[in-house]
Amino acid sequence: MKRTPARIPATAAGCCLLPFAVAAHAQPAQADYPVKSVLFMVPQAAGGSTDTLARLIGQRLGDALGVTVVIENRPGANGIIGTEAALKAAPNGGTLVVSGTGIMAINPALYPKLSYDPVRNFVAVANFGYSTSVLVAHPSLPVKTIADVIALAKKKPGAIKYASAGVGSSPHLSAALFQHMSGADILHVPYKGSTPGVSATLTGETEIMFTGVASALSFIKAGRLRPISINGPRRSPALPTTPTAGESGLPGFEADFWIGLFAPAGLPRPLVTRLNTEVNRILTADGMRERLGELGVDTVPGTPEQFAELLAKDIERWAKAVRAAGLKGE
C-alpha cells in the first residue's frame, strides 16, 4: 500500500510526467468542495497505465476543485483488495477509485462470489480514455514481429513465458485472446499487478507481455524492452514506428482497455456532475489530448450515463469471452 500526493511522481513511469505537472496551473474552484482532501484509490501497483493516469489527472482535478488529491496504490487479488477498501468510504466525494476494464468489467465474470458489484456499489463518474496495448519482448527473444512470436510459439510450444497482472487481468485476457486467434502455445506467469509483470519481462524471467503503452514506454525508449505490436485499430503516437498486430501478422487482433473514475454508490448527483465536468475539461484542455496520446491513451470525454452504459456492455461482453476461454479466478 502506498500513498503519495498526486503532484509528486513516485515511479519511473510517473517521472516522465513531471514536465506536465510543472506546467499545470491551478484553477479557481467553482464552489467549495465538501472535503479538503480527496483520496484516489488505485487498486493496482504504482507505475502502470492506471496509476500514471491517476497521477496526471488527479493533480489537475485537485487544482480545479481546490483540494489536495492523494494517490493510494493498493494492489492485490486482481484489484479486489483496493476496490473492497473503497467500499467502506463515505459517499461524500472524499474517496474516488481509478480503475479499468479488468477490475470493473472482467472480475465479475471471473469470480462468482466477488465482494463488490461494479454497478450496484459504484457510480461511473468519468471515462479517462482507452489505454493502447503493446506487446513487448525481452531483447534476448529472437522476435521482431507478432508473426515471429506466433512462429516461435508454434515451433516450441510452452517455451515462451508471458507475464500478466494476475489471472483474469487485462494483460491475461489479451494473451488468451492472442492464443485463441493465433493458435500459439505460450505459458502464463501471473504477477500481482502490471508493474511486477513488466519487471519480470525486463529481467528475462518472462519473455513477453501484453501491457499498456504507459507501463512500458520508458523501458522501450531505453532499449530494455522491444516493442512487437500495437494491439489496437491504429498505431500509437507514442510508438509511431511500431506496427499494429494487424499490420504485422495477426489481422483483427485488438486488445484496448479503458480506464476511468468511479465513486462509492450514493455520491450525490451534483458531485457526480461536478467531477465529470472537471475531468472532461481536463481531458479537452489545450495539448492534453496530445500529451495523453504520447502515453498511448485515446481520450473519451462523455457523460456519467455514457460511461455507465459502456461498463454494462463490457461486463456482458467480457462474461462471454471469459466463458469461451474457460477462465476462472484463483
C-alpha atoms as a PDB file:
ATOM      1  CA  MET A   1       0.000   0.000   0.000  1.00  0.00           C
ATOM      2  CA  LYS A   2       1.443   3.347  -0.969  1.00  0.00           C
ATOM      3  CA  ARG A   3       0.103   6.878  -0.578  1.00  0.00           C
ATOM      4  CA  THR A   4       1.629   9.823  -2.376  1.00  0.00           C
ATOM      5  CA  PRO A   5       0.380  13.268  -3.373  1.00  0.00           C
ATOM      6  CA  ALA A   6      -0.782  13.251  -6.983  1.00  0.00           C
ATOM      7  CA  ARG A   7       1.586  16.081  -7.840  1.00  0.00           C
ATOM      8  CA  ILE A   8       4.692  14.096  -6.822  1.00  0.00           C
ATOM      9  CA  PRO A   9       5.585  11.383  -9.402  1.00  0.00           C
ATOM     10  CA  ALA A  10       6.606   8.273  -7.434  1.00  0.00           C
ATOM     11  CA  THR A  11       7.645   5.868 -10.151  1.00  0.00           C
ATOM     12  CA  ALA A  12       9.729   5.677 -13.280  1.00  0.00           C
ATOM     13  CA  ALA A  13       6.553   5.881 -15.304  1.00  0.00           C
ATOM     14  CA  GLY A  14       5.366   8.801 -13.223  1.00  0.00           C
ATOM     15  CA  CYS A  15       8.655  10.598 -13.652  1.00  0.00           C
ATOM     16  CA  CYS A  16       8.039  11.047 -17.351  1.00  0.00           C
ATOM     17  CA  LEU A  17       5.002  13.115 -16.395  1.00  0.00           C
ATOM     18  CA  LEU A  18       6.997  15.673 -14.417  1.00  0.00           C
ATOM     19  CA  PRO A  19       7.030  18.277 -17.209  1.00  0.00           C
ATOM     20  CA  PHE A  20       3.250  18.077 -17.344  1.00  0.00           C
ATOM     21  CA  ALA A  21       2.974  18.527 -13.569  1.00  0.00           C
ATOM     22  CA  VAL A  22       5.226  21.570 -13.593  1.00  0.00           C
ATOM     23  CA  ALA A  23       3.286  23.119 -16.469  1.00  0.00           C
ATOM     24  CA  ALA A  24      -0.124  22.740 -14.789  1.00  0.00           C
ATOM     25  CA  HIS A  25      -1.765  25.860 -13.360  1.00  0.00           C
ATOM     26  CA  ALA A  26      -4.266  25.827 -10.536  1.00  0.00           C
ATOM     27  CA  GLN A  27      -7.775  26.865 -11.455  1.00  0.00           C
ATOM     28  CA  PRO A  28     -10.102  28.686  -9.088  1.00  0.00           C
ATOM     29  CA  ALA A  29     -12.704  26.337  -7.631  1.00  0.00           C
ATOM     30  CA  GLN A  30     -16.238  26.940  -8.848  1.00  0.00           C
ATOM     31  CA  ALA A  31     -17.659  26.293  -5.394  1.00  0.00           C
ATOM     32  CA  ASP A  32     -16.471  24.808  -2.134  1.00  0.00           C
ATOM     33  CA  TYR A  33     -15.899  21.080  -2.457  1.00  0.00           C
ATOM     34  CA  PRO A  34     -17.298  19.242   0.592  1.00  0.00           C
ATOM     35  CA  VAL A  35     -13.889  17.846   1.648  1.00  0.00           C
ATOM     36  CA  LYS A  36     -10.379  19.325   1.696  1.00  0.00           C
ATOM     37  CA  SER A  37      -8.576  16.155   0.645  1.00  0.00           C
ATOM     38  CA  VAL A  38      -9.554  13.560  -1.954  1.00  0.00           C
ATOM     39  CA  LEU A  39      -8.170  10.033  -1.955  1.00  0.00           C
ATOM     40  CA  PHE A  40      -7.647   8.454  -5.361  1.00  0.00           C
ATOM     41  CA  MET A  41      -7.706   4.722  -4.673  1.00  0.00           C
ATOM     42  CA  VAL A  42      -5.718   2.876  -7.349  1.00  0.00           C
ATOM     43  CA  PRO A  43      -6.232  -0.896  -6.906  1.00  0.00           C
ATOM     44  CA  GLN A  44      -3.075  -1.620  -8.889  1.00  0.00           C
ATOM     45  CA  ALA A  45       0.655  -1.248  -8.425  1.00  0.00           C
ATOM     46  CA  ALA A  46       2.405   2.074  -8.960  1.00  0.00           C
ATOM     47  CA  GLY A  47       3.885   2.610 -12.404  1.00  0.00           C
ATOM     48  CA  GLY A  48       1.203   1.049 -14.576  1.00  0.00           C
ATOM     49  CA  SER A  49      -1.126   2.794 -17.010  1.00  0.00           C
ATOM     50  CA  THR A  50      -3.890   3.207 -14.411  1.00  0.00           C
ATOM     51  CA  ASP A  51      -1.509   4.711 -11.869  1.00  0.00           C
ATOM     52  CA  THR A  52       0.037   7.010 -14.478  1.00  0.00           C
ATOM     53  CA  LEU A  53      -3.368   8.413 -15.468  1.00  0.00           C
ATOM     54  CA  ALA A  54      -4.420   8.741 -11.827  1.00  0.00           C
ATOM     55  CA  ARG A  55      -1.396  10.949 -11.134  1.00  0.00           C
ATOM     56  CA  LEU A  56      -1.674  13.032 -14.282  1.00  0.00           C
ATOM     57  CA  ILE A  57      -5.406  13.735 -13.967  1.00  0.00           C
ATOM     58  CA  GLY A  58      -5.510  13.717 -10.169  1.00  0.00           C
ATOM     59  CA  GLN A  59      -3.183  16.684  -9.872  1.00  0.00           C
ATOM     60  CA  ARG A  60      -5.231  18.760 -12.279  1.00  0.00           C
ATOM     61  CA  LEU A  61      -8.518  17.719 -10.697  1.00  0.00           C
ATOM     62  CA  GLY A  62      -7.182  18.800  -7.316  1.00  0.00           C
ATOM     63  CA  ASP A  63      -6.255  22.190  -8.763  1.00  0.00           C
ATOM     64  CA  ALA A  64      -9.733  22.570 -10.258  1.00  0.00           C
ATOM     65  CA  LEU A  65     -11.537  21.596  -7.053  1.00  0.00           C
ATOM     66  CA  GLY A  66      -9.211  23.476  -4.731  1.00  0.00           C
ATOM     67  CA  VAL A  67      -8.323  20.315  -2.792  1.00  0.00           C
ATOM     68  CA  THR A  68      -5.346  18.026  -2.273  1.00  0.00           C
ATOM     69  CA  VAL A  69      -5.530  14.743  -4.181  1.00  0.00           C
ATOM     70  CA  VAL A  70      -3.613  11.851  -2.634  1.00  0.00           C
ATOM     71  CA  ILE A  71      -2.857   8.663  -4.570  1.00  0.00           C
ATOM     72  CA  GLU A  72      -3.079   5.363  -2.716  1.00  0.00           C
ATOM     73  CA  ASN A  73      -1.861   2.256  -4.526  1.00  0.00           C
ATOM     74  CA  ARG A  74      -3.409  -0.860  -3.016  1.00  0.00           C
ATOM     75  CA  PRO A  75      -2.809  -3.748  -5.425  1.00  0.00           C
ATOM     76  CA  GLY A  76      -3.538  -7.424  -4.889  1.00  0.00           C
ATOM     77  CA  ALA A  77      -6.063 -10.144  -5.756  1.00  0.00           C
ATOM     78  CA  ASN A  78      -6.557  -8.747  -9.258  1.00  0.00           C
ATOM     79  CA  GLY A  79      -7.607  -5.357  -7.917  1.00  0.00           C
ATOM     80  CA  ILE A  80     -10.135  -6.742  -5.450  1.00  0.00           C
ATOM     81  CA  ILE A  81      -8.295  -5.629  -2.287  1.00  0.00           C
ATOM     82  CA  GLY A  82      -8.159  -1.945  -3.168  1.00  0.00           C
ATOM     83  CA  THR A  83     -11.678  -1.936  -4.593  1.00  0.00           C
ATOM     84  CA  GLU A  84     -13.070  -3.554  -1.419  1.00  0.00           C
ATOM     85  CA  ALA A  85     -11.353  -0.902   0.695  1.00  0.00           C
ATOM     86  CA  ALA A  86     -13.086   1.857  -1.247  1.00  0.00           C
ATOM     87  CA  LEU A  87     -16.490   0.340  -0.472  1.00  0.00           C
ATOM     88  CA  LYS A  88     -16.082   1.337   3.165  1.00  0.00           C
ATOM     89  CA  ALA A  89     -15.671   5.016   2.338  1.00  0.00           C
ATOM     90  CA  ALA A  90     -18.436   7.553   2.832  1.00  0.00           C
ATOM     91  CA  PRO A  91     -20.051   8.666  -0.470  1.00  0.00           C
ATOM     92  CA  ASN A  92     -19.084  12.303   0.068  1.00  0.00           C
ATOM     93  CA  GLY A  93     -16.502  12.787  -2.684  1.00  0.00           C
ATOM     94  CA  GLY A  94     -13.571  12.129  -0.365  1.00  0.00           C
ATOM     95  CA  THR A  95     -12.707   8.737  -1.846  1.00  0.00           C
ATOM     96  CA  LEU A  96     -12.698   8.011  -5.562  1.00  0.00           C
ATOM     97  CA  VAL A  97     -11.472   4.947  -7.434  1.00  0.00           C
ATOM     98  CA  VAL A  98      -9.353   4.998 -10.585  1.00  0.00           C
ATOM     99  CA  SER A  99      -9.942   1.641 -12.207  1.00  0.00           C
ATOM    100  CA  GLY A 100     -10.214  -0.109 -15.531  1.00  0.00           C
ATOM    101  CA  THR A 101     -11.825  -2.807 -17.607  1.00  0.00           C
ATOM    102  CA  GLY A 102     -10.161  -5.711 -15.824  1.00  0.00           C
ATOM    103  CA  ILE A 103     -11.277  -4.827 -12.315  1.00  0.00           C
ATOM    104  CA  MET A 104     -14.722  -3.449 -13.110  1.00  0.00           C
ATOM    105  CA  ALA A 105     -15.858  -5.415 -16.173  1.00  0.00           C
ATOM    106  CA  ILE A 106     -13.886  -8.684 -16.203  1.00  0.00           C
ATOM    107  CA  ASN A 107     -13.698  -9.601 -12.498  1.00  0.00           C
ATOM    108  CA  PRO A 108     -17.479 -10.140 -12.191  1.00  0.00           C
ATOM    109  CA  ALA A 109     -17.228 -12.988 -14.707  1.00  0.00           C
ATOM    110  CA  LEU A 110     -14.122 -14.499 -13.126  1.00  0.00           C
ATOM    111  CA  TYR A 111     -15.257 -14.504  -9.516  1.00  0.00           C
ATOM    112  CA  PRO A 112     -18.840 -15.753  -8.884  1.00  0.00           C
ATOM    113  CA  LYS A 113     -18.589 -14.618  -5.240  1.00  0.00           C
ATOM    114  CA  LEU A 114     -16.978 -11.259  -5.955  1.00  0.00           C
ATOM    115  CA  SER A 115     -17.203  -8.987  -2.895  1.00  0.00           C
ATOM    116  CA  TYR A 116     -18.310  -5.949  -4.904  1.00  0.00           C
ATOM    117  CA  ASP A 117     -20.776  -5.239  -7.681  1.00  0.00           C
ATOM    118  CA  PRO A 118     -19.391  -2.611 -10.078  1.00  0.00           C
ATOM    119  CA  VAL A 119     -22.898  -1.398 -10.944  1.00  0.00           C
ATOM    120  CA  ARG A 120     -24.621  -1.509  -7.528  1.00  0.00           C
ATOM    121  CA  ASN A 121     -21.694  -0.496  -5.339  1.00  0.00           C
ATOM    122  CA  PHE A 122     -20.123   2.193  -7.519  1.00  0.00           C
ATOM    123  CA  VAL A 123     -21.076   5.182  -9.632  1.00  0.00           C
ATOM    124  CA  ALA A 124     -19.362   5.534 -13.009  1.00  0.00           C
ATOM    125  CA  VAL A 125     -18.160   9.161 -12.941  1.00  0.00           C
ATOM    126  CA  ALA A 126     -15.923   9.769 -15.947  1.00  0.00           C
ATOM    127  CA  ASN A 127     -14.085   7.791 -18.608  1.00  0.00           C
ATOM    128  CA  PHE A 128     -10.460   8.909 -18.899  1.00  0.00           C
ATOM    129  CA  GLY A 129      -9.888   7.015 -22.140  1.00  0.00           C
ATOM    130  CA  TYR A 130      -8.629   3.833 -23.728  1.00  0.00           C
ATOM    131  CA  SER A 131      -5.130   2.585 -22.953  1.00  0.00           C
ATOM    132  CA  THR A 132      -3.425   1.258 -26.037  1.00  0.00           C
ATOM    133  CA  SER A 133      -1.956  -2.196 -25.516  1.00  0.00           C
ATOM    134  CA  VAL A 134       1.528  -3.068 -26.715  1.00  0.00           C
ATOM    135  CA  LEU A 135       3.154  -6.484 -26.947  1.00  0.00           C
ATOM    136  CA  VAL A 136       6.708  -6.193 -25.621  1.00  0.00           C
ATOM    137  CA  ALA A 137       9.525  -8.721 -25.532  1.00  0.00           C
ATOM    138  CA  HIS A 138      12.804  -9.099 -23.710  1.00  0.00           C
ATOM    139  CA  PRO A 139      15.569  -8.125 -26.178  1.00  0.00           C
ATOM    140  CA  SER A 140      17.079 -11.623 -25.967  1.00  0.00           C
ATOM    141  CA  LEU A 141      13.990 -13.215 -27.537  1.00  0.00           C
ATOM    142  CA  PRO A 142      14.647 -13.622 -31.290  1.00  0.00           C
ATOM    143  CA  VAL A 143      11.421 -11.966 -32.492  1.00  0.00           C
ATOM    144  CA  LYS A 144      10.640  -8.629 -34.154  1.00  0.00           C
ATOM    145  CA  THR A 145       7.012  -9.007 -35.245  1.00  0.00           C
ATOM    146  CA  ILE A 146       3.909 -10.659 -33.879  1.00  0.00           C
ATOM    147  CA  ALA A 147       4.218 -13.171 -36.726  1.00  0.00           C
ATOM    148  CA  ASP A 148       7.660 -14.076 -35.342  1.00  0.00           C
ATOM    149  CA  VAL A 149       6.160 -14.661 -31.882  1.00  0.00           C
ATOM    150  CA  ILE A 150       3.477 -16.927 -33.342  1.00  0.00           C
ATOM    151  CA  ALA A 151       6.004 -18.913 -35.359  1.00  0.00           C
ATOM    152  CA  LEU A 152       8.342 -19.386 -32.394  1.00  0.00           C
ATOM    153  CA  ALA A 153       5.481 -20.355 -30.067  1.00  0.00           C
ATOM    154  CA  LYS A 154       4.295 -22.991 -32.522  1.00  0.00           C
ATOM    155  CA  LYS A 155       7.828 -24.302 -33.037  1.00  0.00           C
ATOM    156  CA  LYS A 156       8.452 -24.523 -29.271  1.00  0.00           C
ATOM    157  CA  PRO A 157       5.054 -24.974 -27.545  1.00  0.00           C
ATOM    158  CA  GLY A 158       5.019 -23.626 -23.995  1.00  0.00           C
ATOM    159  CA  ALA A 159       8.607 -22.349 -24.173  1.00  0.00           C
ATOM    160  CA  ILE A 160       7.696 -18.651 -24.291  1.00  0.00           C
ATOM    161  CA  LYS A 161       6.570 -17.378 -20.884  1.00  0.00           C
ATOM    162  CA  TYR A 162       4.290 -14.340 -20.726  1.00  0.00           C
ATOM    163  CA  ALA A 163       3.708 -12.120 -17.698  1.00  0.00           C
ATOM    164  CA  SER A 164       0.333 -10.767 -16.645  1.00  0.00           C
ATOM    165  CA  ALA A 165      -1.081  -8.612 -13.858  1.00  0.00           C
ATOM    166  CA  GLY A 166      -2.922 -11.655 -12.487  1.00  0.00           C
ATOM    167  CA  VAL A 167      -5.455 -14.240 -13.569  1.00  0.00           C
ATOM    168  CA  GLY A 168      -8.227 -12.519 -15.493  1.00  0.00           C
ATOM    169  CA  SER A 169      -6.397  -9.188 -15.700  1.00  0.00           C
ATOM    170  CA  SER A 170      -6.375  -7.205 -18.921  1.00  0.00           C
ATOM    171  CA  PRO A 171      -2.903  -8.493 -19.904  1.00  0.00           C
ATOM    172  CA  HIS A 172      -4.048 -12.062 -19.243  1.00  0.00           C
ATOM    173  CA  LEU A 173      -7.216 -11.686 -21.310  1.00  0.00           C
ATOM    174  CA  SER A 174      -5.193 -10.075 -24.097  1.00  0.00           C
ATOM    175  CA  ALA A 175      -2.836 -13.047 -24.181  1.00  0.00           C
ATOM    176  CA  ALA A 176      -5.728 -15.516 -24.012  1.00  0.00           C
ATOM    177  CA  LEU A 177      -7.345 -13.808 -26.998  1.00  0.00           C
ATOM    178  CA  PHE A 178      -3.979 -13.828 -28.796  1.00  0.00           C
ATOM    179  CA  GLN A 179      -3.633 -17.577 -28.219  1.00  0.00           C
ATOM    180  CA  HIS A 180      -7.188 -18.230 -29.350  1.00  0.00           C
ATOM    181  CA  MET A 181      -6.776 -16.259 -32.588  1.00  0.00           C
ATOM    182  CA  SER A 182      -3.239 -17.376 -33.458  1.00  0.00           C
ATOM    183  CA  GLY A 183      -3.051 -20.930 -32.180  1.00  0.00           C
ATOM    184  CA  ALA A 184       0.200 -20.044 -30.392  1.00  0.00           C
ATOM    185  CA  ASP A 185       1.095 -22.015 -27.249  1.00  0.00           C
ATOM    186  CA  ILE A 186       2.599 -19.684 -24.613  1.00  0.00           C
ATOM    187  CA  LEU A 187       2.933 -20.162 -20.832  1.00  0.00           C
ATOM    188  CA  HIS A 188       1.112 -17.857 -18.410  1.00  0.00           C
ATOM    189  CA  VAL A 189       3.036 -16.455 -15.391  1.00  0.00           C
ATOM    190  CA  PRO A 190       0.724 -14.218 -13.283  1.00  0.00           C
ATOM    191  CA  TYR A 191       2.035 -11.405 -11.066  1.00  0.00           C
ATOM    192  CA  LYS A 192       0.400  -9.022  -8.595  1.00  0.00           C
ATOM    193  CA  GLY A 193      -0.016  -6.088 -10.949  1.00  0.00           C
ATOM    194  CA  SER A 194       1.297  -4.802 -14.258  1.00  0.00           C
ATOM    195  CA  THR A 195       4.430  -3.260 -12.770  1.00  0.00           C
ATOM    196  CA  PRO A 196       5.795  -6.550 -11.347  1.00  0.00           C
ATOM    197  CA  GLY A 197       4.900  -8.206 -14.655  1.00  0.00           C
ATOM    198  CA  VAL A 198       6.840  -5.615 -16.628  1.00  0.00           C
ATOM    199  CA  SER A 199       9.743  -6.004 -14.197  1.00  0.00           C
ATOM    200  CA  ALA A 200       9.773  -9.766 -14.796  1.00  0.00           C
ATOM    201  CA  THR A 201       9.953  -9.174 -18.531  1.00  0.00           C
ATOM    202  CA  LEU A 202      12.756  -6.651 -18.033  1.00  0.00           C
ATOM    203  CA  THR A 203      14.859  -9.230 -16.199  1.00  0.00           C
ATOM    204  CA  GLY A 204      14.078 -12.051 -18.612  1.00  0.00           C
ATOM    205  CA  GLU A 205      12.150 -14.032 -16.019  1.00  0.00           C
ATOM    206  CA  THR A 206       9.387 -13.926 -18.618  1.00  0.00           C
ATOM    207  CA  GLU A 207       9.904 -13.259 -22.313  1.00  0.00           C
ATOM    208  CA  ILE A 208       6.830 -11.271 -23.385  1.00  0.00           C
ATOM    209  CA  MET A 209       3.912  -9.278 -22.000  1.00  0.00           C
ATOM    210  CA  PHE A 210       0.797  -7.519 -23.247  1.00  0.00           C
ATOM    211  CA  THR A 211       0.657  -4.244 -21.311  1.00  0.00           C
ATOM    212  CA  GLY A 212      -0.348  -0.599 -21.608  1.00  0.00           C
ATOM    213  CA  VAL A 213       1.987   1.678 -23.538  1.00  0.00           C
ATOM    214  CA  ALA A 214       2.384   3.928 -20.488  1.00  0.00           C
ATOM    215  CA  SER A 215       3.682   0.997 -18.418  1.00  0.00           C
ATOM    216  CA  ALA A 216       6.420   0.093 -20.877  1.00  0.00           C
ATOM    217  CA  LEU A 217       7.261   3.303 -22.737  1.00  0.00           C
ATOM    218  CA  SER A 218      10.289   4.409 -20.703  1.00  0.00           C
ATOM    219  CA  PHE A 219      11.814   0.919 -20.917  1.00  0.00           C
ATOM    220  CA  ILE A 220      11.177   0.744 -24.664  1.00  0.00           C
ATOM    221  CA  LYS A 221      12.921   4.085 -25.157  1.00  0.00           C
ATOM    222  CA  ALA A 222      15.836   2.852 -23.050  1.00  0.00           C
ATOM    223  CA  GLY A 223      16.146  -0.279 -25.206  1.00  0.00           C
ATOM    224  CA  ARG A 224      15.337  -2.598 -22.322  1.00  0.00           C
ATOM    225  CA  LEU A 225      12.131  -3.874 -23.920  1.00  0.00           C
ATOM    226  CA  ARG A 226      11.427  -4.445 -27.604  1.00  0.00           C
ATOM    227  CA  PRO A 227       8.012  -3.302 -28.878  1.00  0.00           C
ATOM    228  CA  ILE A 228       6.485  -6.007 -31.075  1.00  0.00           C
ATOM    229  CA  SER A 229       2.995  -4.749 -31.940  1.00  0.00           C
ATOM    230  CA  ILE A 230       0.369  -2.168 -31.050  1.00  0.00           C
ATOM    231  CA  ASN A 231      -2.817  -4.086 -30.318  1.00  0.00           C
ATOM    232  CA  GLY A 232      -5.415  -1.616 -31.457  1.00  0.00           C
ATOM    233  CA  PRO A 233      -7.018  -0.330 -34.656  1.00  0.00           C
ATOM    234  CA  ARG A 234      -4.251   2.213 -35.299  1.00  0.00           C
ATOM    235  CA  ARG A 235      -0.642   2.909 -34.399  1.00  0.00           C
ATOM    236  CA  SER A 236       0.183   4.757 -31.192  1.00  0.00           C
ATOM    237  CA  PRO A 237       1.555   8.321 -31.377  1.00  0.00           C
ATOM    238  CA  ALA A 238       3.885   7.265 -28.581  1.00  0.00           C
ATOM    239  CA  LEU A 239       5.383   4.489 -30.742  1.00  0.00           C
ATOM    240  CA  PRO A 240       4.717   5.577 -34.331  1.00  0.00           C
ATOM    241  CA  THR A 241       7.145   3.086 -35.898  1.00  0.00           C
ATOM    242  CA  THR A 242       5.651   0.067 -34.127  1.00  0.00           C
ATOM    243  CA  PRO A 243       3.098  -1.629 -36.397  1.00  0.00           C
ATOM    244  CA  THR A 244      -0.298  -2.839 -35.284  1.00  0.00           C
ATOM    245  CA  ALA A 245      -0.883  -6.559 -34.833  1.00  0.00           C
ATOM    246  CA  GLY A 246      -2.995  -6.469 -37.984  1.00  0.00           C
ATOM    247  CA  GLU A 247      -0.156  -4.955 -39.961  1.00  0.00           C
ATOM    248  CA  SER A 248       2.431  -7.421 -38.711  1.00  0.00           C
ATOM    249  CA  GLY A 249       0.830 -10.838 -38.706  1.00  0.00           C
ATOM    250  CA  LEU A 250      -2.468 -11.128 -36.810  1.00  0.00           C
ATOM    251  CA  PRO A 251      -5.339  -9.321 -38.584  1.00  0.00           C
ATOM    252  CA  GLY A 252      -8.320  -8.496 -36.374  1.00  0.00           C
ATOM    253  CA  PHE A 253      -6.467  -8.761 -33.080  1.00  0.00           C
ATOM    254  CA  GLU A 254      -7.261  -5.780 -30.835  1.00  0.00           C
ATOM    255  CA  ALA A 255      -6.883  -5.510 -27.069  1.00  0.00           C
ATOM    256  CA  ASP A 256      -7.514  -1.972 -25.856  1.00  0.00           C
ATOM    257  CA  PHE A 257      -8.956  -1.282 -22.413  1.00  0.00           C
ATOM    258  CA  TRP A 258     -10.497   1.775 -20.777  1.00  0.00           C
ATOM    259  CA  ILE A 259      -9.550   3.499 -17.522  1.00  0.00           C
ATOM    260  CA  GLY A 260     -11.900   5.764 -15.614  1.00  0.00           C
ATOM    261  CA  LEU A 261     -13.067   7.346 -12.377  1.00  0.00           C
ATOM    262  CA  PHE A 262     -15.603   5.742 -10.030  1.00  0.00           C
ATOM    263  CA  ALA A 263     -17.129   6.723  -6.688  1.00  0.00           C
ATOM    264  CA  PRO A 264     -18.838   4.744  -3.927  1.00  0.00           C
ATOM    265  CA  ALA A 265     -22.572   4.389  -4.585  1.00  0.00           C
ATOM    266  CA  GLY A 266     -24.661   7.139  -3.065  1.00  0.00           C
ATOM    267  CA  LEU A 267     -22.476  10.050  -4.152  1.00  0.00           C
ATOM    268  CA  PRO A 268     -24.903  12.976  -4.636  1.00  0.00           C
ATOM    269  CA  ARG A 269     -25.684  13.708  -8.263  1.00  0.00           C
ATOM    270  CA  PRO A 270     -24.387  17.317  -8.111  1.00  0.00           C
ATOM    271  CA  LEU A 271     -20.971  15.989  -7.092  1.00  0.00           C
ATOM    272  CA  VAL A 272     -21.022  13.354  -9.837  1.00  0.00           C
ATOM    273  CA  THR A 273     -21.804  16.075 -12.368  1.00  0.00           C
ATOM    274  CA  ARG A 274     -19.134  18.387 -10.951  1.00  0.00           C
ATOM    275  CA  LEU A 275     -16.435  15.714 -11.087  1.00  0.00           C
ATOM    276  CA  ASN A 276     -17.436  14.627 -14.584  1.00  0.00           C
ATOM    277  CA  THR A 277     -17.386  18.217 -15.832  1.00  0.00           C
ATOM    278  CA  GLU A 278     -13.946  18.892 -14.376  1.00  0.00           C
ATOM    279  CA  VAL A 279     -12.462  15.648 -15.740  1.00  0.00           C
ATOM    280  CA  ASN A 280     -13.846  16.364 -19.214  1.00  0.00           C
ATOM    281  CA  ARG A 281     -12.428  19.876 -19.055  1.00  0.00           C
ATOM    282  CA  ILE A 282      -9.018  18.416 -18.169  1.00  0.00           C
ATOM    283  CA  LEU A 283      -9.191  15.878 -20.999  1.00  0.00           C
ATOM    284  CA  THR A 284     -10.042  18.551 -23.570  1.00  0.00           C
ATOM    285  CA  ALA A 285      -7.617  21.241 -22.335  1.00  0.00           C
ATOM    286  CA  ASP A 286      -5.052  22.592 -24.785  1.00  0.00           C
ATOM    287  CA  GLY A 287      -2.457  19.948 -25.512  1.00  0.00           C
ATOM    288  CA  MET A 288      -3.860  17.333 -23.140  1.00  0.00           C
ATOM    289  CA  ARG A 289      -5.182  15.042 -25.864  1.00  0.00           C
ATOM    290  CA  GLU A 290      -1.756  15.108 -27.495  1.00  0.00           C
ATOM    291  CA  ARG A 291       0.036  14.513 -24.200  1.00  0.00           C
ATOM    292  CA  LEU A 292      -2.156  11.538 -23.386  1.00  0.00           C
ATOM    293  CA  GLY A 293      -1.749  10.260 -26.927  1.00  0.00           C
ATOM    294  CA  GLU A 294       2.003  10.225 -26.373  1.00  0.00           C
ATOM    295  CA  LEU A 295       1.333   7.857 -23.461  1.00  0.00           C
ATOM    296  CA  GLY A 296      -0.826   5.612 -25.612  1.00  0.00           C
ATOM    297  CA  VAL A 297      -4.154   6.874 -24.262  1.00  0.00           C
ATOM    298  CA  ASP A 298      -7.071   7.790 -26.526  1.00  0.00           C
ATOM    299  CA  THR A 299      -9.281  10.203 -24.544  1.00  0.00           C
ATOM    300  CA  VAL A 300     -13.046   9.683 -24.412  1.00  0.00           C
ATOM    301  CA  PRO A 301     -14.866  12.627 -22.740  1.00  0.00           C
ATOM    302  CA  GLY A 302     -18.535  11.898 -22.084  1.00  0.00           C
ATOM    303  CA  THR A 303     -21.343  11.847 -19.541  1.00  0.00           C
ATOM    304  CA  PRO A 304     -21.622   9.594 -16.480  1.00  0.00           C
ATOM    305  CA  GLU A 305     -24.533   7.850 -18.216  1.00  0.00           C
ATOM    306  CA  GLN A 306     -22.399   7.040 -21.255  1.00  0.00           C
ATOM    307  CA  PHE A 307     -19.665   5.632 -19.048  1.00  0.00           C
ATOM    308  CA  ALA A 308     -22.188   3.550 -17.086  1.00  0.00           C
ATOM    309  CA  GLU A 309     -23.575   2.197 -20.350  1.00  0.00           C
ATOM    310  CA  LEU A 310     -20.089   1.264 -21.518  1.00  0.00           C
ATOM    311  CA  LEU A 311     -19.463  -0.544 -18.224  1.00  0.00           C
ATOM    312  CA  ALA A 312     -22.693  -2.541 -18.513  1.00  0.00           C
ATOM    313  CA  LYS A 313     -21.959  -3.545 -22.094  1.00  0.00           C
ATOM    314  CA  ASP A 314     -18.402  -4.582 -21.272  1.00  0.00           C
ATOM    315  CA  ILE A 315     -19.496  -6.668 -18.288  1.00  0.00           C
ATOM    316  CA  GLU A 316     -21.708  -8.636 -20.673  1.00  0.00           C
ATOM    317  CA  ARG A 317     -19.086  -8.757 -23.446  1.00  0.00           C
ATOM    318  CA  TRP A 318     -16.258  -9.983 -21.223  1.00  0.00           C
ATOM    319  CA  ALA A 319     -18.505 -12.521 -19.481  1.00  0.00           C
ATOM    320  CA  LYS A 320     -18.898 -14.225 -22.849  1.00  0.00           C
ATOM    321  CA  ALA A 321     -15.153 -14.042 -23.504  1.00  0.00           C
ATOM    322  CA  VAL A 322     -14.263 -15.482 -20.093  1.00  0.00           C
ATOM    323  CA  ARG A 323     -16.714 -18.368 -20.546  1.00  0.00           C
ATOM    324  CA  ALA A 324     -15.373 -19.069 -24.040  1.00  0.00           C
ATOM    325  CA  ALA A 325     -11.797 -19.141 -22.720  1.00  0.00           C
ATOM    326  CA  GLY A 326     -12.749 -21.344 -19.777  1.00  0.00           C
ATOM    327  CA  LEU A 327     -11.099 -18.950 -17.305  1.00  0.00           C
ATOM    328  CA  LYS A 328     -11.725 -18.986 -13.562  1.00  0.00           C
ATOM    329  CA  GLY A 329     -10.338 -16.697 -10.887  1.00  0.00           C
ATOM    330  CA  GLU A 330      -7.995 -18.193  -8.327  1.00  0.00           C
END
